[in-house]
All heavy atoms as atom14 arrays in JSON, in Angstrom:
{
  "sequence": "GPQLHMLEGVARVEAVTLELDEEAGHFLGEFNWHGSAEAEAHVQVYGI",
  "atom14_mask": [
    [1, 1, 1, 1, 0, 0, 0, 0, 0, 0, 0, 0, 0, 0],
    [1, 1, 1, 1, 1, 1, 1, 0, 0, 0, 0, 0, 0, 0],
    [1, 1, 1, 1, 1, 1, 1, 1, 1, 0, 0, 0, 0, 0],
    [1, 1, 1, 1, 1, 1, 1, 1, 0, 0, 0, 0, 0, 0],
    [1, 1, 1, 1, 1, 1, 1, 1, 1, 1, 0, 0, 0, 0],
    [1, 1, 1, 1, 1, 1, 1, 1, 0, 0, 0, 0, 0, 0],
    [1, 1, 1, 1, 1, 1, 1, 1, 0, 0, 0, 0, 0, 0],
    [1, 1, 1, 1, 1, 1, 1, 1, 1, 0, 0, 0, 0, 0],
    [1, 1, 1, 1, 0, 0, 0, 0, 0, 0, 0, 0, 0, 0],
    [1, 1, 1, 1, 1, 1, 1, 0, 0, 0, 0, 0, 0, 0],
    [1, 1, 1, 1, 1, 0, 0, 0, 0, 0, 0, 0, 0, 0],
    [1, 1, 1, 1, 1, 1, 1, 1, 1, 1, 1, 0, 0, 0],
    [1, 1, 1, 1, 1, 1, 1, 0, 0, 0, 0, 0, 0, 0],
    [1, 1, 1, 1, 1, 1, 1, 1, 1, 0, 0, 0, 0, 0],
    [1, 1, 1, 1, 1, 0, 0, 0, 0, 0, 0, 0, 0, 0],
    [1, 1, 1, 1, 1, 1, 1, 0, 0, 0, 0, 0, 0, 0],
    [1, 1, 1, 1, 1, 1, 1, 0, 0, 0, 0, 0, 0, 0],
    [1, 1, 1, 1, 1, 1, 1, 1, 0, 0, 0, 0, 0, 0],
    [1, 1, 1, 1, 1, 1, 1, 1, 1, 0, 0, 0, 0, 0],
    [1, 1, 1, 1, 1, 1, 1, 1, 0, 0, 0, 0, 0, 0],
    [1, 1, 1, 1, 1, 1, 1, 1, 0, 0, 0, 0, 0, 0],
    [1, 1, 1, 1, 1, 1, 1, 1, 1, 0, 0, 0, 0, 0],
    [1, 1, 1, 1, 1, 1, 1, 1, 1, 0, 0, 0, 0, 0],
    [1, 1, 1, 1, 1, 0, 0, 0, 0, 0, 0, 0, 0, 0],
    [1, 1, 1, 1, 0, 0, 0, 0, 0, 0, 0, 0, 0, 0],
    [1, 1, 1, 1, 1, 1, 1, 1, 1, 1, 0, 0, 0, 0],
    [1, 1, 1, 1, 1, 1, 1, 1, 1, 1, 1, 0, 0, 0],
    [1, 1, 1, 1, 1, 1, 1, 1, 0, 0, 0, 0, 0, 0],
    [1, 1, 1, 1, 0, 0, 0, 0, 0, 0, 0, 0, 0, 0],
    [1, 1, 1, 1, 1, 1, 1, 1, 1, 0, 0, 0, 0, 0],
    [1, 1, 1, 1, 1, 1, 1, 1, 1, 1, 1, 0, 0, 0],
    [1, 1, 1, 1, 1, 1, 1, 1, 0, 0, 0, 0, 0, 0],
    [1, 1, 1, 1, 1, 1, 1, 1, 1, 1, 1, 1, 1, 1],
    [1, 1, 1, 1, 1, 1, 1, 1, 1, 1, 0, 0, 0, 0],
    [1, 1, 1, 1, 0, 0, 0, 0, 0, 0, 0, 0, 0, 0],
    [1, 1, 1, 1, 1, 1, 0, 0, 0, 0, 0, 0, 0, 0],
    [1, 1, 1, 1, 1, 0, 0, 0, 0, 0, 0, 0, 0, 0],
    [1, 1, 1, 1, 1, 1, 1, 1, 1, 0, 0, 0, 0, 0],
    [1, 1, 1, 1, 1, 0, 0, 0, 0, 0, 0, 0, 0, 0],
    [1, 1, 1, 1, 1, 1, 1, 1, 1, 0, 0, 0, 0, 0],
    [1, 1, 1, 1, 1, 0, 0, 0, 0, 0, 0, 0, 0, 0],
    [1, 1, 1, 1, 1, 1, 1, 1, 1, 1, 0, 0, 0, 0],
    [1, 1, 1, 1, 1, 1, 1, 0, 0, 0, 0, 0, 0, 0],
    [1, 1, 1, 1, 1, 1, 1, 1, 1, 0, 0, 0, 0, 0],
    [1, 1, 1, 1, 1, 1, 1, 0, 0, 0, 0, 0, 0, 0],
    [1, 1, 1, 1, 1, 1, 1, 1, 1, 1, 1, 1, 0, 0],
    [1, 1, 1, 1, 0, 0, 0, 0, 0, 0, 0, 0, 0, 0],
    [1, 1, 1, 1, 1, 1, 1, 1, 0, 0, 0, 0, 0, 0]
  ],
  "atom14_positions": [
    [[4.36, 16.26, 50.62], [5.1, 16.83, 49.49], [6.12, 15.88, 48.92], [6.11, 15.59, 47.71], [0.0, 0.0, 0.0], [0.0, 0.0, 0.0], [0.0, 0.0, 0.0], [0.0, 0.0, 0.0], [0.0, 0.0, 0.0], [0.0, 0.0, 0.0], [0.0, 0.0, 0.0], [0.0, 0.0, 0.0], [0.0, 0.0, 0.0], [0.0, 0.0, 0.0]],
    [[7.04, 15.34, 49.74], [7.98, 14.34, 49.22], [7.29, 13.1, 48.64], [7.74, 12.53, 47.66], [8.82, 13.98, 50.46], [8.74, 15.18, 51.33], [7.38, 15.75, 51.11], [0.0, 0.0, 0.0], [0.0, 0.0, 0.0], [0.0, 0.0, 0.0], [0.0, 0.0, 0.0], [0.0, 0.0, 0.0], [0.0, 0.0, 0.0], [0.0, 0.0, 0.0]],
    [[6.17, 12.7, 49.24], [5.45, 11.55, 48.72], [4.89, 11.84, 47.32], [4.95, 10.99, 46.42], [4.32, 11.17, 49.67], [4.8, 10.64, 51.01], [3.68, 10.54, 52.03], [2.51, 10.61, 51.69], [4.05, 10.38, 53.29], [0.0, 0.0, 0.0], [0.0, 0.0, 0.0], [0.0, 0.0, 0.0], [0.0, 0.0, 0.0], [0.0, 0.0, 0.0]],
    [[4.37, 13.04, 47.13], [3.9, 13.44, 45.81], [5.06, 13.49, 44.82], [4.92, 13.12, 43.65], [3.22, 14.81, 45.88], [1.78, 14.82, 46.43], [1.35, 16.23, 46.76], [0.83, 14.2, 45.42], [0.0, 0.0, 0.0], [0.0, 0.0, 0.0], [0.0, 0.0, 0.0], [0.0, 0.0, 0.0], [0.0, 0.0, 0.0], [0.0, 0.0, 0.0]],
    [[6.21, 13.98, 45.28], [7.4, 14.03, 44.43], [7.76, 12.64, 43.91], [8.1, 12.46, 42.74], [8.57, 14.6, 45.25], [9.22, 15.77, 44.6], [10.02, 16.65, 45.28], [9.22, 16.2, 43.33], [10.46, 17.58, 44.45], [9.99, 17.32, 43.27], [0.0, 0.0, 0.0], [0.0, 0.0, 0.0], [0.0, 0.0, 0.0], [0.0, 0.0, 0.0]],
    [[7.69, 11.67, 44.79], [8.02, 10.3, 44.37], [6.95, 9.75, 43.44], [7.26, 9.07, 42.46], [8.19, 9.42, 45.61], [9.47, 9.72, 46.38], [9.78, 8.55, 47.72], [8.62, 9.15, 48.94], [0.0, 0.0, 0.0], [0.0, 0.0, 0.0], [0.0, 0.0, 0.0], [0.0, 0.0, 0.0], [0.0, 0.0, 0.0], [0.0, 0.0, 0.0]],
    [[5.68, 10.03, 43.76], [4.59, 9.55, 42.9], [4.72, 10.12, 41.5], [4.37, 9.45, 40.51], [3.24, 9.93, 43.52], [1.99, 9.46, 42.78], [1.93, 7.94, 42.74], [0.74, 10.02, 43.45], [0.0, 0.0, 0.0], [0.0, 0.0, 0.0], [0.0, 0.0, 0.0], [0.0, 0.0, 0.0], [0.0, 0.0, 0.0], [0.0, 0.0, 0.0]],
    [[5.21, 11.33, 41.38], [5.37, 11.99, 40.08], [6.67, 11.58, 39.39], [6.98, 12.09, 38.3], [5.31, 13.5, 40.27], [3.92, 13.97, 40.7], [3.91, 15.38, 41.28], [4.99, 16.01, 41.29], [2.85, 15.85, 41.72], [0.0, 0.0, 0.0], [0.0, 0.0, 0.0], [0.0, 0.0, 0.0], [0.0, 0.0, 0.0], [0.0, 0.0, 0.0]],
    [[7.46, 10.68, 40.01], [8.64, 10.13, 39.35], [9.86, 11.02, 39.4], [10.78, 10.85, 38.59], [0.0, 0.0, 0.0], [0.0, 0.0, 0.0], [0.0, 0.0, 0.0], [0.0, 0.0, 0.0], [0.0, 0.0, 0.0], [0.0, 0.0, 0.0], [0.0, 0.0, 0.0], [0.0, 0.0, 0.0], [0.0, 0.0, 0.0], [0.0, 0.0, 0.0]],
    [[9.91, 11.95, 40.35], [11.01, 12.92, 40.37], [12.25, 12.34, 41.04], [13.37, 12.49, 40.55], [10.56, 14.21, 41.09], [11.72, 15.2, 41.21], [9.41, 14.85, 40.34], [0.0, 0.0, 0.0], [0.0, 0.0, 0.0], [0.0, 0.0, 0.0], [0.0, 0.0, 0.0], [0.0, 0.0, 0.0], [0.0, 0.0, 0.0], [0.0, 0.0, 0.0]],
    [[12.07, 11.69, 42.19], [13.21, 11.13, 42.92], [12.67, 10.3, 44.08], [11.49, 10.38, 44.43], [14.12, 12.25, 43.46], [0.0, 0.0, 0.0], [0.0, 0.0, 0.0], [0.0, 0.0, 0.0], [0.0, 0.0, 0.0], [0.0, 0.0, 0.0], [0.0, 0.0, 0.0], [0.0, 0.0, 0.0], [0.0, 0.0, 0.0], [0.0, 0.0, 0.0]],
    [[13.55, 9.5, 44.66], [13.21, 8.84, 45.93], [13.69, 9.74, 47.05], [14.85, 10.15, 47.09], [13.88, 7.46, 46.02], [13.59, 6.74, 47.34], [14.06, 5.29, 47.3], [15.51, 5.19, 47.18], [16.36, 5.24, 48.2], [15.91, 5.41, 49.45], [17.66, 5.11, 48.0], [0.0, 0.0, 0.0], [0.0, 0.0, 0.0], [0.0, 0.0, 0.0]],
    [[12.78, 10.06, 47.96], [13.06, 11.07, 48.98], [13.26, 10.4, 50.33], [12.52, 9.49, 50.7], [11.92, 12.1, 49.07], [12.28, 13.21, 50.06], [11.64, 12.7, 47.7], [0.0, 0.0, 0.0], [0.0, 0.0, 0.0], [0.0, 0.0, 0.0], [0.0, 0.0, 0.0], [0.0, 0.0, 0.0], [0.0, 0.0, 0.0], [0.0, 0.0, 0.0]],
    [[14.27, 10.88, 51.04], [14.59, 10.36, 52.37], [14.66, 11.55, 53.33], [15.41, 12.49, 53.1], [15.94, 9.64, 52.29], [16.39, 8.97, 53.56], [17.74, 8.28, 53.33], [18.7, 8.97, 52.95], [17.8, 7.06, 53.53], [0.0, 0.0, 0.0], [0.0, 0.0, 0.0], [0.0, 0.0, 0.0], [0.0, 0.0, 0.0], [0.0, 0.0, 0.0]],
    [[13.86, 11.51, 54.37], [13.85, 12.6, 55.34], [14.97, 12.41, 56.35], [15.07, 11.35, 56.98], [12.5, 12.66, 56.06], [0.0, 0.0, 0.0], [0.0, 0.0, 0.0], [0.0, 0.0, 0.0], [0.0, 0.0, 0.0], [0.0, 0.0, 0.0], [0.0, 0.0, 0.0], [0.0, 0.0, 0.0], [0.0, 0.0, 0.0], [0.0, 0.0, 0.0]],
    [[15.82, 13.41, 56.49], [16.91, 13.38, 57.47], [16.49, 14.13, 58.72], [16.59, 13.62, 59.84], [18.19, 14.01, 56.87], [19.31, 14.0, 57.91], [18.61, 13.25, 55.62], [0.0, 0.0, 0.0], [0.0, 0.0, 0.0], [0.0, 0.0, 0.0], [0.0, 0.0, 0.0], [0.0, 0.0, 0.0], [0.0, 0.0, 0.0], [0.0, 0.0, 0.0]],
    [[16.0, 15.34, 58.55], [15.54, 16.17, 59.67], [14.31, 16.93, 59.24], [14.25, 17.45, 58.12], [16.62, 17.19, 60.1], [17.8, 16.48, 60.48], [16.14, 18.05, 61.26], [0.0, 0.0, 0.0], [0.0, 0.0, 0.0], [0.0, 0.0, 0.0], [0.0, 0.0, 0.0], [0.0, 0.0, 0.0], [0.0, 0.0, 0.0], [0.0, 0.0, 0.0]],
    [[13.32, 17.0, 60.12], [12.15, 17.82, 59.86], [11.64, 18.36, 61.18], [11.08, 17.62, 62.0], [11.05, 17.02, 59.14], [9.74, 17.79, 58.85], [10.03, 19.08, 58.09], [8.77, 16.92, 58.08], [0.0, 0.0, 0.0], [0.0, 0.0, 0.0], [0.0, 0.0, 0.0], [0.0, 0.0, 0.0], [0.0, 0.0, 0.0], [0.0, 0.0, 0.0]],
    [[11.87, 19.64, 61.42], [11.42, 20.33, 62.63], [10.56, 21.51, 62.19], [10.96, 22.27, 61.32], [12.59, 20.86, 63.45], [13.59, 19.81, 63.89], [14.8, 20.44, 64.57], [14.86, 21.69, 64.63], [15.66, 19.68, 65.02], [0.0, 0.0, 0.0], [0.0, 0.0, 0.0], [0.0, 0.0, 0.0], [0.0, 0.0, 0.0], [0.0, 0.0, 0.0]],
    [[9.41, 21.65, 62.81], [8.61, 22.84, 62.49], [7.7, 23.2, 63.65], [7.25, 22.36, 64.41], [7.8, 22.63, 61.21], [6.67, 21.62, 61.18], [5.35, 22.29, 61.55], [6.55, 21.01, 59.8], [0.0, 0.0, 0.0], [0.0, 0.0, 0.0], [0.0, 0.0, 0.0], [0.0, 0.0, 0.0], [0.0, 0.0, 0.0], [0.0, 0.0, 0.0]],
    [[7.51, 24.5, 63.76], [6.58, 25.07, 64.72], [5.92, 26.24, 64.01], [6.52, 27.29, 63.83], [7.32, 25.54, 65.98], [6.38, 26.06, 67.06], [5.23, 26.39, 66.72], [6.79, 26.12, 68.23], [0.0, 0.0, 0.0], [0.0, 0.0, 0.0], [0.0, 0.0, 0.0], [0.0, 0.0, 0.0], [0.0, 0.0, 0.0], [0.0, 0.0, 0.0]],
    [[4.69, 26.03, 63.55], [4.01, 27.06, 62.77], [3.89, 28.37, 63.53], [4.11, 29.45, 62.99], [2.6, 26.57, 62.38], [2.59, 25.43, 61.39], [1.21, 24.84, 61.25], [0.65, 24.37, 62.26], [0.67, 24.86, 60.12], [0.0, 0.0, 0.0], [0.0, 0.0, 0.0], [0.0, 0.0, 0.0], [0.0, 0.0, 0.0], [0.0, 0.0, 0.0]],
    [[3.54, 28.28, 64.82], [3.27, 29.49, 65.59], [4.54, 30.29, 65.85], [4.51, 31.52, 65.87], [2.59, 29.12, 66.9], [1.24, 28.46, 66.7], [0.51, 28.22, 68.01], [0.98, 28.72, 69.05], [-0.53, 27.54, 67.99], [0.0, 0.0, 0.0], [0.0, 0.0, 0.0], [0.0, 0.0, 0.0], [0.0, 0.0, 0.0], [0.0, 0.0, 0.0]],
    [[5.67, 29.6, 66.05], [6.93, 30.3, 66.27], [7.63, 30.65, 64.97], [8.64, 31.35, 64.97], [7.85, 29.44, 67.14], [0.0, 0.0, 0.0], [0.0, 0.0, 0.0], [0.0, 0.0, 0.0], [0.0, 0.0, 0.0], [0.0, 0.0, 0.0], [0.0, 0.0, 0.0], [0.0, 0.0, 0.0], [0.0, 0.0, 0.0], [0.0, 0.0, 0.0]],
    [[7.11, 30.15, 63.85], [7.75, 30.42, 62.56], [9.04, 29.67, 62.37], [9.87, 30.05, 61.54], [0.0, 0.0, 0.0], [0.0, 0.0, 0.0], [0.0, 0.0, 0.0], [0.0, 0.0, 0.0], [0.0, 0.0, 0.0], [0.0, 0.0, 0.0], [0.0, 0.0, 0.0], [0.0, 0.0, 0.0], [0.0, 0.0, 0.0], [0.0, 0.0, 0.0]],
    [[9.22, 28.57, 63.1], [10.47, 27.8, 62.99], [10.28, 26.65, 62.0], [9.29, 25.92, 62.05], [10.86, 27.23, 64.35], [12.0, 26.24, 64.28], [13.32, 26.64, 64.14], [12.01, 24.89, 64.3], [14.09, 25.57, 64.09], [13.33, 24.49, 64.18], [0.0, 0.0, 0.0], [0.0, 0.0, 0.0], [0.0, 0.0, 0.0], [0.0, 0.0, 0.0]],
    [[11.24, 26.5, 61.1], [11.25, 25.35, 60.2], [12.69, 25.0, 59.89], [13.53, 25.86, 59.6], [10.52, 25.65, 58.89], [10.51, 24.47, 57.94], [9.51, 23.52, 58.01], [11.52, 24.3, 57.0], [9.5, 22.42, 57.16], [11.53, 23.21, 56.16], [10.51, 22.27, 56.23], [0.0, 0.0, 0.0], [0.0, 0.0, 0.0], [0.0, 0.0, 0.0]],
    [[12.99, 23.73, 59.96], [14.29, 23.2, 59.53], [14.04, 21.83, 58.93], [13.57, 20.92, 59.61], [15.27, 23.1, 60.7], [16.63, 22.47, 60.36], [17.36, 23.29, 59.31], [17.48, 22.31, 61.61], [0.0, 0.0, 0.0], [0.0, 0.0, 0.0], [0.0, 0.0, 0.0], [0.0, 0.0, 0.0], [0.0, 0.0, 0.0], [0.0, 0.0, 0.0]],
    [[14.31, 21.7, 57.65], [14.11, 20.43, 56.97], [15.32, 20.06, 56.14], [15.87, 20.91, 55.43], [0.0, 0.0, 0.0], [0.0, 0.0, 0.0], [0.0, 0.0, 0.0], [0.0, 0.0, 0.0], [0.0, 0.0, 0.0], [0.0, 0.0, 0.0], [0.0, 0.0, 0.0], [0.0, 0.0, 0.0], [0.0, 0.0, 0.0], [0.0, 0.0, 0.0]],
    [[15.74, 18.82, 56.27], [16.84, 18.31, 55.44], [16.38, 17.0, 54.82], [15.87, 16.11, 55.5], [18.1, 18.09, 56.26], [19.27, 17.57, 55.41], [20.55, 17.4, 56.21], [20.63, 17.94, 57.34], [21.47, 16.72, 55.71], [0.0, 0.0, 0.0], [0.0, 0.0, 0.0], [0.0, 0.0, 0.0], [0.0, 0.0, 0.0], [0.0, 0.0, 0.0]],
    [[16.54, 16.88, 53.5], [16.1, 15.7, 52.77], [17.2, 15.25, 51.81], [17.93, 16.08, 51.27], [14.82, 15.99, 51.97], [13.64, 16.38, 52.81], [13.43, 17.69, 53.16], [12.74, 15.41, 53.27], [12.34, 18.05, 53.94], [11.65, 15.76, 54.03], [11.45, 17.09, 54.38], [0.0, 0.0, 0.0], [0.0, 0.0, 0.0], [0.0, 0.0, 0.0]],
    [[17.26, 13.95, 51.6], [18.13, 13.37, 50.58], [17.29, 12.95, 49.39], [16.21, 12.37, 49.57], [18.89, 12.16, 51.12], [19.87, 12.51, 52.22], [20.33, 13.65, 52.31], [20.19, 11.54, 53.07], [0.0, 0.0, 0.0], [0.0, 0.0, 0.0], [0.0, 0.0, 0.0], [0.0, 0.0, 0.0], [0.0, 0.0, 0.0], [0.0, 0.0, 0.0]],
    [[17.76, 13.26, 48.2], [17.1, 12.82, 46.98], [17.98, 11.76, 46.31], [19.15, 12.02, 46.0], [16.91, 13.98, 46.0], [15.84, 14.95, 46.39], [14.73, 14.71, 47.13], [15.79, 16.33, 46.04], [13.99, 15.84, 47.27], [14.61, 16.86, 46.62], [16.61, 17.18, 45.3], [14.25, 18.2, 46.47], [16.26, 18.51, 45.16], [15.08, 19.0, 45.74]],
    [[17.41, 10.61, 46.06], [18.14, 9.53, 45.41], [17.58, 9.35, 44.0], [16.38, 9.24, 43.81], [18.0, 8.22, 46.2], [18.59, 8.29, 47.57], [19.91, 8.01, 47.84], [18.02, 8.62, 48.77], [20.14, 8.15, 49.12], [19.0, 8.51, 49.73], [0.0, 0.0, 0.0], [0.0, 0.0, 0.0], [0.0, 0.0, 0.0], [0.0, 0.0, 0.0]],
    [[18.46, 9.32, 43.03], [18.03, 9.11, 41.64], [17.26, 10.28, 41.07], [16.25, 10.07, 40.37], [0.0, 0.0, 0.0], [0.0, 0.0, 0.0], [0.0, 0.0, 0.0], [0.0, 0.0, 0.0], [0.0, 0.0, 0.0], [0.0, 0.0, 0.0], [0.0, 0.0, 0.0], [0.0, 0.0, 0.0], [0.0, 0.0, 0.0], [0.0, 0.0, 0.0]],
    [[17.71, 11.49, 41.32], [17.01, 12.68, 40.83], [16.93, 12.69, 39.31], [17.94, 12.64, 38.6], [17.73, 13.94, 41.3], [17.3, 15.07, 40.58], [0.0, 0.0, 0.0], [0.0, 0.0, 0.0], [0.0, 0.0, 0.0], [0.0, 0.0, 0.0], [0.0, 0.0, 0.0], [0.0, 0.0, 0.0], [0.0, 0.0, 0.0], [0.0, 0.0, 0.0]],
    [[15.69, 12.74, 38.78], [15.5, 12.79, 37.33], [16.07, 14.08, 36.75], [16.6, 14.09, 35.62], [14.01, 12.69, 37.0], [0.0, 0.0, 0.0], [0.0, 0.0, 0.0], [0.0, 0.0, 0.0], [0.0, 0.0, 0.0], [0.0, 0.0, 0.0], [0.0, 0.0, 0.0], [0.0, 0.0, 0.0], [0.0, 0.0, 0.0], [0.0, 0.0, 0.0]],
    [[15.98, 15.18, 37.49], [16.47, 16.46, 36.98], [17.99, 16.46, 36.88], [18.55, 16.92, 35.88], [15.99, 17.59, 37.9], [16.21, 18.98, 37.33], [15.55, 20.06, 38.16], [15.04, 19.75, 39.26], [15.54, 21.21, 37.71], [0.0, 0.0, 0.0], [0.0, 0.0, 0.0], [0.0, 0.0, 0.0], [0.0, 0.0, 0.0], [0.0, 0.0, 0.0]],
    [[18.66, 15.94, 37.9], [20.12, 15.86, 37.84], [20.57, 14.93, 36.7], [21.55, 15.21, 36.0], [20.67, 15.36, 39.18], [0.0, 0.0, 0.0], [0.0, 0.0, 0.0], [0.0, 0.0, 0.0], [0.0, 0.0, 0.0], [0.0, 0.0, 0.0], [0.0, 0.0, 0.0], [0.0, 0.0, 0.0], [0.0, 0.0, 0.0], [0.0, 0.0, 0.0]],
    [[19.84, 13.84, 36.52], [20.17, 12.9, 35.45], [20.06, 13.57, 34.08], [20.94, 13.41, 33.22], [19.22, 11.71, 35.53], [19.42, 10.66, 34.46], [18.41, 9.53, 34.58], [18.27, 8.99, 35.7], [17.76, 9.21, 33.57], [0.0, 0.0, 0.0], [0.0, 0.0, 0.0], [0.0, 0.0, 0.0], [0.0, 0.0, 0.0], [0.0, 0.0, 0.0]],
    [[18.99, 14.35, 33.87], [18.82, 15.04, 32.59], [19.92, 16.06, 32.36], [20.4, 16.24, 31.23], [17.45, 15.73, 32.56], [0.0, 0.0, 0.0], [0.0, 0.0, 0.0], [0.0, 0.0, 0.0], [0.0, 0.0, 0.0], [0.0, 0.0, 0.0], [0.0, 0.0, 0.0], [0.0, 0.0, 0.0], [0.0, 0.0, 0.0], [0.0, 0.0, 0.0]],
    [[20.35, 16.74, 33.42], [21.41, 17.74, 33.29], [22.75, 17.08, 32.94], [23.5, 17.57, 32.08], [21.54, 18.53, 34.6], [22.32, 19.79, 34.47], [21.75, 20.99, 34.09], [23.65, 20.06, 34.65], [22.67, 21.94, 34.06], [23.84, 21.39, 34.4], [0.0, 0.0, 0.0], [0.0, 0.0, 0.0], [0.0, 0.0, 0.0], [0.0, 0.0, 0.0]],
    [[23.02, 15.95, 33.58], [24.3, 15.25, 33.33], [24.34, 14.7, 31.91], [25.39, 14.7, 31.26], [24.49, 14.13, 34.38], [25.66, 13.23, 33.98], [24.72, 14.72, 35.75], [0.0, 0.0, 0.0], [0.0, 0.0, 0.0], [0.0, 0.0, 0.0], [0.0, 0.0, 0.0], [0.0, 0.0, 0.0], [0.0, 0.0, 0.0], [0.0, 0.0, 0.0]],
    [[23.2, 14.26, 31.39], [23.16, 13.72, 30.04], [23.59, 14.75, 29.0], [24.18, 14.42, 27.97], [21.75, 13.22, 29.72], [21.4, 11.9, 30.39], [19.97, 11.48, 30.09], [19.19, 12.24, 29.51], [19.63, 10.25, 30.47], [0.0, 0.0, 0.0], [0.0, 0.0, 0.0], [0.0, 0.0, 0.0], [0.0, 0.0, 0.0], [0.0, 0.0, 0.0]],
    [[23.32, 16.02, 29.28], [23.65, 17.09, 28.33], [25.01, 17.7, 28.62], [25.82, 17.91, 27.72], [22.56, 18.18, 28.34], [22.93, 19.33, 27.41], [21.21, 17.59, 27.95], [0.0, 0.0, 0.0], [0.0, 0.0, 0.0], [0.0, 0.0, 0.0], [0.0, 0.0, 0.0], [0.0, 0.0, 0.0], [0.0, 0.0, 0.0], [0.0, 0.0, 0.0]],
    [[25.29, 17.97, 29.9], [26.48, 18.74, 30.26], [27.55, 17.94, 30.99], [28.64, 18.46, 31.26], [26.08, 19.93, 31.14], [25.22, 20.94, 30.4], [23.85, 21.0, 30.61], [25.79, 21.83, 29.49], [23.05, 21.92, 29.94], [25.0, 22.76, 28.81], [23.64, 22.79, 29.04], [22.86, 23.7, 28.37], [0.0, 0.0, 0.0], [0.0, 0.0, 0.0]],
    [[27.25, 16.68, 31.35], [28.21, 15.91, 32.12], [28.28, 16.41, 33.56], [27.43, 17.18, 34.02], [0.0, 0.0, 0.0], [0.0, 0.0, 0.0], [0.0, 0.0, 0.0], [0.0, 0.0, 0.0], [0.0, 0.0, 0.0], [0.0, 0.0, 0.0], [0.0, 0.0, 0.0], [0.0, 0.0, 0.0], [0.0, 0.0, 0.0], [0.0, 0.0, 0.0]],
    [[29.32, 15.97, 34.28], [29.5, 16.4, 35.66], [29.9, 17.88, 35.67], [30.82, 18.29, 34.95], [30.57, 15.56, 36.37], [30.13, 14.08, 36.4], [30.79, 16.06, 37.79], [28.84, 13.82, 37.13], [0.0, 0.0, 0.0], [0.0, 0.0, 0.0], [0.0, 0.0, 0.0], [0.0, 0.0, 0.0], [0.0, 0.0, 0.0], [0.0, 0.0, 0.0]]
  ]
}
């Protein structure tokens, strides 16, 4: 998923934490987005 995000030009993705157990229903994921195109577009119109 993050790789597709980068291929589509959305952001550079950095995985911080990724834990999952399908059978137990446990998931914990933390990611950093660098150079988010969506945040950039929002700032261009509305600023910080």
